N, C-alpha and C. Protein backbone atom coordinates (compact mmCIF):
# COMPACT_ATOMS: atom_id res chain seq x y z
N MET A 1 -16.34 38.21 -22.33
CA MET A 1 -16.80 36.98 -22.98
C MET A 1 -16.23 35.74 -22.28
N ALA A 2 -14.93 35.81 -21.91
CA ALA A 2 -14.29 34.66 -21.26
C ALA A 2 -14.96 34.34 -19.94
N GLN A 3 -15.30 35.35 -19.16
CA GLN A 3 -15.97 35.11 -17.87
C GLN A 3 -17.36 34.52 -18.10
N ALA A 4 -18.04 34.97 -19.14
CA ALA A 4 -19.37 34.43 -19.44
C ALA A 4 -19.29 32.94 -19.75
N LEU A 5 -18.25 32.52 -20.47
CA LEU A 5 -18.08 31.09 -20.77
C LEU A 5 -17.80 30.31 -19.50
N ARG A 6 -17.00 30.88 -18.60
CA ARG A 6 -16.68 30.19 -17.36
C ARG A 6 -17.91 29.99 -16.48
N ASP A 7 -18.90 30.84 -16.65
CA ASP A 7 -20.10 30.75 -15.84
C ASP A 7 -21.09 29.71 -16.36
N LEU A 8 -20.90 29.23 -17.57
CA LEU A 8 -21.83 28.25 -18.16
C LEU A 8 -21.53 26.85 -17.67
N HIS A 9 -22.57 26.05 -17.56
CA HIS A 9 -22.44 24.63 -17.20
C HIS A 9 -21.94 23.86 -18.41
N ASP A 10 -21.29 22.73 -18.18
CA ASP A 10 -20.77 21.91 -19.27
C ASP A 10 -21.85 21.56 -20.30
N VAL A 11 -23.03 21.22 -19.82
CA VAL A 11 -24.11 20.84 -20.75
C VAL A 11 -24.47 22.01 -21.66
N GLU A 12 -24.49 23.22 -21.11
CA GLU A 12 -24.76 24.40 -21.93
C GLU A 12 -23.66 24.61 -22.97
N LEU A 13 -22.41 24.43 -22.53
CA LEU A 13 -21.29 24.59 -23.45
C LEU A 13 -21.34 23.57 -24.57
N VAL A 14 -21.68 22.33 -24.24
CA VAL A 14 -21.77 21.29 -25.27
C VAL A 14 -22.86 21.64 -26.28
N GLY A 15 -23.99 22.13 -25.79
CA GLY A 15 -25.07 22.54 -26.70
C GLY A 15 -24.64 23.64 -27.65
N LEU A 16 -23.92 24.61 -27.13
CA LEU A 16 -23.42 25.70 -27.98
C LEU A 16 -22.34 25.19 -28.94
N ALA A 17 -21.51 24.29 -28.47
CA ALA A 17 -20.47 23.71 -29.32
C ALA A 17 -21.09 22.88 -30.44
N ALA A 18 -22.18 22.19 -30.15
CA ALA A 18 -22.87 21.39 -31.17
C ALA A 18 -23.39 22.27 -32.29
N ALA A 19 -23.65 23.53 -31.98
CA ALA A 19 -24.12 24.48 -32.98
C ALA A 19 -22.94 25.18 -33.67
N GLY A 20 -21.73 24.68 -33.41
CA GLY A 20 -20.55 25.24 -34.07
C GLY A 20 -19.72 26.16 -33.21
N GLY A 21 -20.04 26.26 -31.93
CA GLY A 21 -19.33 27.17 -31.04
C GLY A 21 -17.94 26.67 -30.66
N ARG A 22 -16.93 27.17 -31.35
CA ARG A 22 -15.55 26.76 -31.07
C ARG A 22 -15.05 27.30 -29.73
N ARG A 23 -15.40 28.52 -29.40
CA ARG A 23 -14.97 29.08 -28.12
C ARG A 23 -15.57 28.30 -26.96
N GLU A 24 -16.82 27.92 -27.11
CA GLU A 24 -17.48 27.16 -26.05
C GLU A 24 -16.81 25.80 -25.88
N PHE A 25 -16.46 25.18 -27.00
CA PHE A 25 -15.79 23.90 -26.90
C PHE A 25 -14.38 24.09 -26.34
N GLY A 26 -13.75 25.18 -26.68
CA GLY A 26 -12.44 25.50 -26.11
C GLY A 26 -12.49 25.59 -24.59
N GLU A 27 -13.58 26.11 -24.07
CA GLU A 27 -13.76 26.18 -22.61
C GLU A 27 -13.85 24.77 -22.02
N LEU A 28 -14.53 23.86 -22.71
CA LEU A 28 -14.60 22.46 -22.25
C LEU A 28 -13.21 21.82 -22.24
N VAL A 29 -12.42 22.10 -23.27
CA VAL A 29 -11.06 21.58 -23.33
C VAL A 29 -10.24 22.15 -22.17
N ARG A 30 -10.39 23.45 -21.91
CA ARG A 30 -9.66 24.07 -20.80
C ARG A 30 -10.03 23.43 -19.47
N ARG A 31 -11.32 23.16 -19.28
CA ARG A 31 -11.80 22.58 -18.02
C ARG A 31 -11.35 21.14 -17.81
N HIS A 32 -11.34 20.35 -18.88
CA HIS A 32 -11.19 18.90 -18.73
C HIS A 32 -9.93 18.31 -19.35
N GLY A 33 -9.15 19.10 -20.05
CA GLY A 33 -7.96 18.59 -20.73
C GLY A 33 -6.96 17.93 -19.81
N SER A 34 -6.67 18.56 -18.68
CA SER A 34 -5.65 17.98 -17.79
C SER A 34 -6.13 16.67 -17.18
N ALA A 35 -7.41 16.56 -16.88
CA ALA A 35 -7.94 15.31 -16.31
C ALA A 35 -7.88 14.18 -17.33
N VAL A 36 -8.13 14.49 -18.59
CA VAL A 36 -8.07 13.47 -19.64
C VAL A 36 -6.63 13.01 -19.82
N ARG A 37 -5.69 13.95 -19.87
CA ARG A 37 -4.28 13.58 -20.01
C ARG A 37 -3.80 12.77 -18.81
N ALA A 38 -4.26 13.14 -17.62
CA ALA A 38 -3.86 12.38 -16.41
C ALA A 38 -4.38 10.95 -16.48
N LEU A 39 -5.61 10.77 -16.92
CA LEU A 39 -6.15 9.41 -17.07
C LEU A 39 -5.30 8.60 -18.04
N LEU A 40 -4.97 9.19 -19.16
CA LEU A 40 -4.18 8.47 -20.16
C LEU A 40 -2.80 8.11 -19.63
N ARG A 41 -2.19 9.00 -18.87
CA ARG A 41 -0.89 8.67 -18.27
C ARG A 41 -1.04 7.55 -17.26
N ARG A 42 -2.13 7.55 -16.51
CA ARG A 42 -2.35 6.45 -15.56
C ARG A 42 -2.58 5.13 -16.28
N MET A 43 -3.11 5.21 -17.49
CA MET A 43 -3.31 4.00 -18.27
C MET A 43 -2.00 3.48 -18.86
N GLY A 44 -0.96 4.30 -18.80
CA GLY A 44 0.34 3.86 -19.27
C GLY A 44 0.92 4.67 -20.42
N ALA A 45 0.20 5.68 -20.88
CA ALA A 45 0.69 6.49 -21.99
C ALA A 45 1.82 7.41 -21.51
N GLN A 46 2.85 7.51 -22.31
CA GLN A 46 3.90 8.48 -22.05
C GLN A 46 3.30 9.87 -22.24
N PRO A 47 3.87 10.91 -21.63
CA PRO A 47 3.26 12.26 -21.71
C PRO A 47 2.95 12.74 -23.13
N ALA A 48 3.87 12.56 -24.07
CA ALA A 48 3.61 13.02 -25.44
C ALA A 48 2.45 12.26 -26.07
N LEU A 49 2.39 10.95 -25.84
CA LEU A 49 1.29 10.15 -26.37
C LEU A 49 -0.03 10.55 -25.70
N ALA A 50 0.01 10.80 -24.40
CA ALA A 50 -1.20 11.23 -23.69
C ALA A 50 -1.71 12.54 -24.28
N ASP A 51 -0.81 13.45 -24.59
CA ASP A 51 -1.21 14.72 -25.21
C ASP A 51 -1.85 14.48 -26.57
N ASP A 52 -1.23 13.62 -27.38
CA ASP A 52 -1.76 13.33 -28.72
C ASP A 52 -3.14 12.69 -28.66
N VAL A 53 -3.29 11.69 -27.81
CA VAL A 53 -4.57 10.98 -27.71
C VAL A 53 -5.65 11.91 -27.13
N ALA A 54 -5.27 12.73 -26.15
CA ALA A 54 -6.24 13.69 -25.59
C ALA A 54 -6.71 14.65 -26.68
N GLN A 55 -5.77 15.14 -27.48
CA GLN A 55 -6.15 16.04 -28.57
C GLN A 55 -7.09 15.34 -29.55
N ASP A 56 -6.76 14.11 -29.92
CA ASP A 56 -7.63 13.35 -30.83
C ASP A 56 -9.01 13.14 -30.21
N ALA A 57 -9.05 12.88 -28.90
CA ALA A 57 -10.33 12.66 -28.22
C ALA A 57 -11.18 13.92 -28.25
N PHE A 58 -10.57 15.07 -28.01
CA PHE A 58 -11.33 16.32 -28.03
C PHE A 58 -11.79 16.67 -29.44
N LEU A 59 -10.96 16.38 -30.44
CA LEU A 59 -11.40 16.62 -31.83
C LEU A 59 -12.60 15.74 -32.17
N LEU A 60 -12.53 14.47 -31.78
CA LEU A 60 -13.65 13.56 -32.03
C LEU A 60 -14.89 14.01 -31.26
N ALA A 61 -14.69 14.43 -30.02
CA ALA A 61 -15.82 14.90 -29.22
C ALA A 61 -16.46 16.14 -29.84
N PHE A 62 -15.64 17.04 -30.39
CA PHE A 62 -16.19 18.23 -31.04
C PHE A 62 -17.06 17.82 -32.23
N GLU A 63 -16.59 16.85 -33.01
CA GLU A 63 -17.36 16.37 -34.16
C GLU A 63 -18.66 15.70 -33.73
N LYS A 64 -18.65 15.05 -32.56
CA LYS A 64 -19.80 14.27 -32.12
C LYS A 64 -20.54 14.90 -30.93
N CYS A 65 -20.28 16.16 -30.64
CA CYS A 65 -20.88 16.73 -29.43
C CYS A 65 -22.40 16.79 -29.51
N ALA A 66 -22.97 16.74 -30.69
CA ALA A 66 -24.42 16.69 -30.80
C ALA A 66 -24.97 15.37 -30.25
N GLU A 67 -24.12 14.34 -30.16
CA GLU A 67 -24.53 13.04 -29.64
C GLU A 67 -24.51 12.98 -28.11
N PHE A 68 -23.88 13.97 -27.47
CA PHE A 68 -23.83 14.01 -26.01
C PHE A 68 -25.22 14.37 -25.50
N ARG A 69 -25.79 13.49 -24.67
CA ARG A 69 -27.16 13.67 -24.21
C ARG A 69 -27.24 14.23 -22.79
N GLY A 70 -26.14 14.40 -22.14
CA GLY A 70 -26.14 14.94 -20.79
C GLY A 70 -26.61 13.96 -19.73
N GLU A 71 -26.65 12.67 -20.07
CA GLU A 71 -27.08 11.65 -19.10
C GLU A 71 -26.03 11.41 -18.04
N GLY A 72 -24.78 11.69 -18.36
CA GLY A 72 -23.68 11.65 -17.41
C GLY A 72 -22.93 12.96 -17.54
N THR A 73 -21.79 13.04 -16.93
CA THR A 73 -21.03 14.28 -17.03
C THR A 73 -20.23 14.31 -18.32
N PHE A 74 -19.94 15.51 -18.78
CA PHE A 74 -19.09 15.66 -19.95
C PHE A 74 -17.71 15.07 -19.67
N ALA A 75 -17.22 15.26 -18.45
CA ALA A 75 -15.90 14.74 -18.07
C ALA A 75 -15.85 13.22 -18.27
N ALA A 76 -16.87 12.52 -17.83
CA ALA A 76 -16.90 11.06 -17.98
C ALA A 76 -16.98 10.68 -19.46
N TRP A 77 -17.77 11.43 -20.22
CA TRP A 77 -17.93 11.15 -21.65
C TRP A 77 -16.61 11.31 -22.39
N ILE A 78 -15.90 12.40 -22.16
CA ILE A 78 -14.65 12.64 -22.87
C ILE A 78 -13.58 11.66 -22.41
N LYS A 79 -13.60 11.26 -21.14
CA LYS A 79 -12.62 10.26 -20.67
C LYS A 79 -12.86 8.91 -21.33
N ARG A 80 -14.12 8.53 -21.52
CA ARG A 80 -14.41 7.27 -22.20
C ARG A 80 -13.92 7.31 -23.65
N ILE A 81 -14.13 8.45 -24.30
CA ILE A 81 -13.66 8.60 -25.68
C ILE A 81 -12.14 8.46 -25.72
N ALA A 82 -11.46 9.15 -24.83
CA ALA A 82 -9.99 9.12 -24.81
C ALA A 82 -9.48 7.71 -24.49
N ALA A 83 -10.10 7.05 -23.54
CA ALA A 83 -9.67 5.69 -23.16
C ALA A 83 -9.82 4.75 -24.35
N ARG A 84 -10.93 4.84 -25.06
CA ARG A 84 -11.14 3.96 -26.21
C ARG A 84 -10.14 4.25 -27.32
N LEU A 85 -9.83 5.54 -27.55
CA LEU A 85 -8.83 5.88 -28.57
C LEU A 85 -7.46 5.35 -28.19
N TYR A 86 -7.12 5.44 -26.92
CA TYR A 86 -5.83 4.92 -26.46
C TYR A 86 -5.77 3.41 -26.65
N LEU A 87 -6.85 2.72 -26.30
CA LEU A 87 -6.87 1.26 -26.49
C LEU A 87 -6.70 0.90 -27.96
N LYS A 88 -7.37 1.63 -28.85
CA LYS A 88 -7.22 1.36 -30.28
C LYS A 88 -5.77 1.56 -30.72
N ARG A 89 -5.17 2.62 -30.21
CA ARG A 89 -3.80 2.91 -30.61
C ARG A 89 -2.84 1.82 -30.13
N ILE A 90 -2.95 1.42 -28.87
CA ILE A 90 -1.99 0.42 -28.39
C ILE A 90 -2.28 -0.96 -28.96
N SER A 91 -3.54 -1.25 -29.27
CA SER A 91 -3.80 -2.56 -29.86
C SER A 91 -3.23 -2.62 -31.27
N LYS A 92 -3.22 -1.50 -31.97
CA LYS A 92 -2.60 -1.46 -33.30
C LYS A 92 -1.09 -1.67 -33.18
N GLU A 93 -0.52 -1.20 -32.11
CA GLU A 93 0.93 -1.33 -31.92
C GLU A 93 1.28 -2.65 -31.26
N ALA A 94 0.27 -3.44 -30.90
CA ALA A 94 0.47 -4.76 -30.28
C ALA A 94 1.42 -4.68 -29.10
N ARG A 95 1.09 -3.79 -28.16
CA ARG A 95 1.97 -3.58 -27.03
C ARG A 95 1.44 -4.18 -25.74
N TYR A 96 0.48 -5.11 -25.82
CA TYR A 96 -0.01 -5.73 -24.59
C TYR A 96 1.07 -6.62 -23.99
N VAL A 97 1.30 -6.47 -22.73
CA VAL A 97 2.24 -7.31 -22.01
C VAL A 97 1.49 -7.87 -20.82
N ALA A 98 1.41 -9.19 -20.73
CA ALA A 98 0.65 -9.81 -19.65
C ALA A 98 1.57 -10.54 -18.69
N GLU A 99 2.54 -9.83 -18.13
CA GLU A 99 3.44 -10.45 -17.18
C GLU A 99 2.95 -10.15 -15.77
N ILE A 100 3.00 -11.14 -14.92
CA ILE A 100 2.61 -10.95 -13.53
C ILE A 100 3.83 -11.21 -12.67
N THR A 101 4.19 -10.23 -11.88
CA THR A 101 5.37 -10.42 -11.02
C THR A 101 4.90 -10.91 -9.67
N ALA A 102 5.67 -11.82 -9.12
CA ALA A 102 5.34 -12.37 -7.80
C ALA A 102 5.82 -11.46 -6.69
N GLU A 103 6.72 -10.57 -7.01
CA GLU A 103 7.30 -9.68 -6.01
C GLU A 103 6.28 -8.62 -5.58
N GLU A 104 6.16 -8.39 -4.29
CA GLU A 104 5.28 -7.35 -3.76
C GLU A 104 6.16 -6.19 -3.32
N PRO A 105 6.22 -5.11 -4.09
CA PRO A 105 7.09 -4.00 -3.74
C PRO A 105 6.58 -3.23 -2.53
N ALA A 106 7.48 -2.45 -1.96
CA ALA A 106 7.13 -1.64 -0.80
C ALA A 106 6.16 -0.54 -1.21
N PRO A 107 5.42 0.03 -0.25
CA PRO A 107 4.52 1.13 -0.57
C PRO A 107 5.28 2.28 -1.21
N VAL A 108 4.60 2.99 -2.11
CA VAL A 108 5.22 4.12 -2.80
C VAL A 108 4.82 5.39 -2.08
N VAL A 109 5.79 6.04 -1.46
CA VAL A 109 5.50 7.29 -0.76
C VAL A 109 6.52 8.33 -1.17
N ASP A 110 6.12 9.61 -1.10
CA ASP A 110 7.06 10.67 -1.43
C ASP A 110 7.81 11.11 -0.18
N SER A 111 8.57 12.18 -0.28
CA SER A 111 9.43 12.61 0.82
C SER A 111 8.67 13.05 2.06
N VAL A 112 7.39 13.38 1.91
CA VAL A 112 6.60 13.77 3.09
C VAL A 112 5.61 12.69 3.48
N GLY A 113 5.78 11.49 2.95
CA GLY A 113 4.96 10.36 3.38
C GLY A 113 3.63 10.20 2.68
N ARG A 114 3.37 10.95 1.59
CA ARG A 114 2.11 10.81 0.85
C ARG A 114 2.23 9.67 -0.15
N MET A 115 1.15 8.95 -0.34
CA MET A 115 1.14 7.85 -1.28
C MET A 115 1.01 8.39 -2.70
N ASP A 116 1.68 7.77 -3.64
CA ASP A 116 1.69 8.22 -5.03
C ASP A 116 0.99 7.18 -5.90
N LEU A 117 -0.26 7.46 -6.24
CA LEU A 117 -1.06 6.53 -7.04
C LEU A 117 -0.45 6.31 -8.41
N ASP A 118 0.06 7.36 -9.03
CA ASP A 118 0.63 7.20 -10.37
C ASP A 118 1.82 6.24 -10.35
N GLU A 119 2.69 6.37 -9.36
CA GLU A 119 3.83 5.46 -9.25
C GLU A 119 3.36 4.04 -8.93
N ALA A 120 2.35 3.92 -8.08
CA ALA A 120 1.82 2.60 -7.74
C ALA A 120 1.22 1.93 -8.98
N LEU A 121 0.51 2.69 -9.81
CA LEU A 121 -0.06 2.13 -11.03
C LEU A 121 1.02 1.60 -11.97
N LYS A 122 2.18 2.24 -11.97
CA LYS A 122 3.29 1.78 -12.82
C LYS A 122 3.79 0.41 -12.39
N SER A 123 3.51 0.03 -11.15
CA SER A 123 3.97 -1.28 -10.67
C SER A 123 3.10 -2.42 -11.19
N LEU A 124 1.92 -2.11 -11.71
CA LEU A 124 1.04 -3.15 -12.28
C LEU A 124 1.53 -3.50 -13.68
N ASN A 125 1.22 -4.71 -14.12
CA ASN A 125 1.54 -5.01 -15.51
C ASN A 125 0.58 -4.21 -16.39
N GLU A 126 0.89 -4.11 -17.66
CA GLU A 126 0.16 -3.21 -18.55
C GLU A 126 -1.33 -3.53 -18.64
N VAL A 127 -1.68 -4.80 -18.70
CA VAL A 127 -3.08 -5.18 -18.83
C VAL A 127 -3.85 -4.83 -17.55
N GLU A 128 -3.26 -5.11 -16.40
CA GLU A 128 -3.92 -4.76 -15.12
C GLU A 128 -4.09 -3.25 -15.02
N ARG A 129 -3.04 -2.48 -15.35
CA ARG A 129 -3.11 -1.02 -15.29
C ARG A 129 -4.22 -0.50 -16.19
N LEU A 130 -4.31 -1.04 -17.40
CA LEU A 130 -5.35 -0.61 -18.33
C LEU A 130 -6.74 -0.94 -17.78
N CYS A 131 -6.93 -2.15 -17.31
CA CYS A 131 -8.24 -2.55 -16.80
C CYS A 131 -8.67 -1.71 -15.60
N VAL A 132 -7.75 -1.50 -14.65
CA VAL A 132 -8.07 -0.69 -13.47
C VAL A 132 -8.35 0.75 -13.87
N SER A 133 -7.53 1.31 -14.76
CA SER A 133 -7.72 2.70 -15.18
C SER A 133 -9.02 2.88 -15.97
N LEU A 134 -9.33 1.92 -16.82
CA LEU A 134 -10.58 2.02 -17.59
C LEU A 134 -11.79 1.92 -16.67
N CYS A 135 -11.71 1.05 -15.68
CA CYS A 135 -12.83 0.84 -14.77
C CYS A 135 -13.00 2.02 -13.81
N HIS A 136 -11.91 2.39 -13.14
CA HIS A 136 -12.03 3.39 -12.08
C HIS A 136 -11.62 4.79 -12.50
N GLY A 137 -10.96 4.93 -13.65
CA GLY A 137 -10.58 6.25 -14.13
C GLY A 137 -11.51 6.75 -15.22
N ALA A 138 -11.86 5.85 -16.15
CA ALA A 138 -12.71 6.24 -17.27
C ALA A 138 -14.17 5.86 -17.06
N GLY A 139 -14.44 5.08 -16.02
CA GLY A 139 -15.83 4.73 -15.71
C GLY A 139 -16.45 3.69 -16.62
N LEU A 140 -15.64 2.91 -17.31
CA LEU A 140 -16.19 1.86 -18.16
C LEU A 140 -16.59 0.66 -17.32
N SER A 141 -17.62 -0.02 -17.74
CA SER A 141 -18.05 -1.23 -17.04
C SER A 141 -17.15 -2.38 -17.47
N HIS A 142 -17.18 -3.47 -16.71
CA HIS A 142 -16.39 -4.65 -17.07
C HIS A 142 -16.73 -5.15 -18.48
N PRO A 143 -18.02 -5.25 -18.85
CA PRO A 143 -18.33 -5.69 -20.22
C PRO A 143 -17.80 -4.72 -21.29
N GLU A 144 -17.83 -3.41 -21.01
CA GLU A 144 -17.31 -2.45 -21.98
C GLU A 144 -15.80 -2.61 -22.14
N ILE A 145 -15.11 -2.85 -21.04
CA ILE A 145 -13.66 -3.06 -21.10
C ILE A 145 -13.36 -4.34 -21.87
N ALA A 146 -14.11 -5.39 -21.60
CA ALA A 146 -13.91 -6.67 -22.29
C ALA A 146 -14.06 -6.48 -23.80
N ALA A 147 -15.09 -5.75 -24.20
CA ALA A 147 -15.30 -5.51 -25.63
C ALA A 147 -14.19 -4.66 -26.23
N ALA A 148 -13.79 -3.61 -25.52
CA ALA A 148 -12.77 -2.69 -26.03
C ALA A 148 -11.41 -3.37 -26.14
N MET A 149 -11.11 -4.26 -25.21
CA MET A 149 -9.80 -4.91 -25.20
C MET A 149 -9.82 -6.28 -25.85
N ASN A 150 -11.00 -6.73 -26.28
CA ASN A 150 -11.15 -8.03 -26.91
C ASN A 150 -10.66 -9.15 -25.98
N LEU A 151 -11.12 -9.07 -24.73
CA LEU A 151 -10.77 -10.06 -23.72
C LEU A 151 -12.06 -10.66 -23.16
N PRO A 152 -12.01 -11.88 -22.65
CA PRO A 152 -13.19 -12.45 -21.99
C PRO A 152 -13.54 -11.63 -20.74
N LEU A 153 -14.82 -11.55 -20.44
CA LEU A 153 -15.29 -10.78 -19.30
C LEU A 153 -14.63 -11.23 -18.00
N GLY A 154 -14.54 -12.54 -17.78
CA GLY A 154 -13.92 -13.06 -16.56
C GLY A 154 -12.46 -12.65 -16.44
N THR A 155 -11.77 -12.56 -17.55
CA THR A 155 -10.37 -12.15 -17.54
C THR A 155 -10.26 -10.68 -17.12
N VAL A 156 -11.15 -9.85 -17.64
CA VAL A 156 -11.15 -8.43 -17.26
C VAL A 156 -11.42 -8.29 -15.77
N LYS A 157 -12.42 -9.03 -15.28
CA LYS A 157 -12.73 -8.96 -13.84
C LYS A 157 -11.52 -9.39 -13.01
N SER A 158 -10.83 -10.42 -13.45
CA SER A 158 -9.64 -10.89 -12.73
C SER A 158 -8.54 -9.84 -12.75
N HIS A 159 -8.32 -9.21 -13.90
CA HIS A 159 -7.29 -8.18 -13.99
C HIS A 159 -7.62 -6.98 -13.09
N VAL A 160 -8.88 -6.57 -13.06
CA VAL A 160 -9.27 -5.45 -12.21
C VAL A 160 -9.08 -5.82 -10.74
N LYS A 161 -9.56 -6.99 -10.35
CA LYS A 161 -9.42 -7.40 -8.94
C LYS A 161 -7.96 -7.55 -8.55
N ARG A 162 -7.18 -8.23 -9.37
CA ARG A 162 -5.77 -8.44 -9.05
C ARG A 162 -5.03 -7.10 -9.00
N GLY A 163 -5.34 -6.21 -9.94
CA GLY A 163 -4.71 -4.89 -9.94
C GLY A 163 -5.06 -4.09 -8.70
N LEU A 164 -6.34 -4.10 -8.32
CA LEU A 164 -6.76 -3.38 -7.12
C LEU A 164 -6.12 -3.98 -5.87
N ASP A 165 -6.03 -5.30 -5.81
CA ASP A 165 -5.38 -5.95 -4.66
C ASP A 165 -3.92 -5.53 -4.56
N LYS A 166 -3.22 -5.50 -5.70
CA LYS A 166 -1.82 -5.08 -5.70
C LYS A 166 -1.70 -3.62 -5.28
N LEU A 167 -2.61 -2.78 -5.75
CA LEU A 167 -2.56 -1.36 -5.37
C LEU A 167 -2.80 -1.19 -3.87
N ARG A 168 -3.76 -1.94 -3.34
CA ARG A 168 -4.02 -1.84 -1.89
C ARG A 168 -2.78 -2.20 -1.09
N LEU A 169 -2.13 -3.30 -1.48
CA LEU A 169 -0.90 -3.71 -0.79
C LEU A 169 0.19 -2.65 -0.95
N ARG A 170 0.32 -2.17 -2.15
CA ARG A 170 1.39 -1.21 -2.45
C ARG A 170 1.18 0.12 -1.74
N LEU A 171 -0.06 0.52 -1.59
CA LEU A 171 -0.35 1.84 -1.01
C LEU A 171 -0.62 1.81 0.48
N GLN A 172 -0.51 0.63 1.11
CA GLN A 172 -0.71 0.56 2.56
C GLN A 172 0.39 1.32 3.26
N PRO A 173 0.01 2.13 4.24
CA PRO A 173 1.05 2.83 4.99
C PRO A 173 1.85 1.84 5.83
N GLU A 174 3.10 2.18 6.06
CA GLU A 174 3.95 1.35 6.92
C GLU A 174 3.40 1.40 8.34
N PRO A 175 3.33 0.25 9.04
CA PRO A 175 2.87 0.28 10.43
C PRO A 175 3.88 1.04 11.29
N LEU A 176 3.35 1.80 12.24
CA LEU A 176 4.21 2.54 13.15
C LEU A 176 4.79 1.61 14.19
N ALA A 177 6.06 1.78 14.48
CA ALA A 177 6.72 0.99 15.52
C ALA A 177 6.30 1.52 16.88
N HIS A 178 6.04 0.64 17.83
CA HIS A 178 5.59 1.04 19.18
C HIS A 178 6.73 1.11 20.18
N GLY A 179 7.85 1.41 19.74
CA GLY A 179 9.00 1.50 20.65
C GLY A 179 10.25 1.13 19.91
N SER A 180 11.37 1.59 20.39
CA SER A 180 12.60 1.33 19.67
C SER A 180 13.20 -0.02 20.01
N ALA A 181 12.87 -0.59 21.14
CA ALA A 181 13.41 -1.89 21.50
C ALA A 181 12.35 -2.72 22.15
N SER A 182 12.38 -4.02 21.94
CA SER A 182 11.40 -4.88 22.60
C SER A 182 12.04 -5.48 23.84
N HIS A 183 11.23 -5.62 24.85
CA HIS A 183 11.72 -6.15 26.11
C HIS A 183 11.30 -7.61 26.25
N VAL A 184 12.22 -8.43 26.64
CA VAL A 184 11.93 -9.85 26.88
C VAL A 184 11.87 -10.02 28.39
N GLY A 185 10.83 -10.54 28.84
CA GLY A 185 10.77 -10.56 30.28
C GLY A 185 9.98 -11.62 30.77
């Protein structure tokens, strides 16, 4: 039975889940749970909160899976649900911080020289991180983000652009030196 579920497409699983199929929906959770939690962590959620919001998102999706029309991917649909739930939660807690630092930190690389997007996202202020994550992680449009965050559209566009600019600077590889000493001649 488990292999049969793995062979089904997401749209087929959603259809079966809409008819009450808990195992089929469980397969969707298995397939997409880690990606949803990763998005929430990139948006700024601590791991425990990301787990809670992801669980709430999947419960809501199970209740509303009959509304999924298959016009996009299930992964995008569940990420949008999770992102909106996270926004509702943090807006209730009034945790928006709109500080902009003038300091441009060095690129974030690990011990083997790979860039770390998650660490780079932490360098953005909370509003920029949310706007960038909602736009490029959850696939929300600028107007959808503006409505969800109760911000003017132009402000959202500015936060996304500024956040992406900071990420580009932060994730640029260090230029290679062309020699150990320069010659004056």
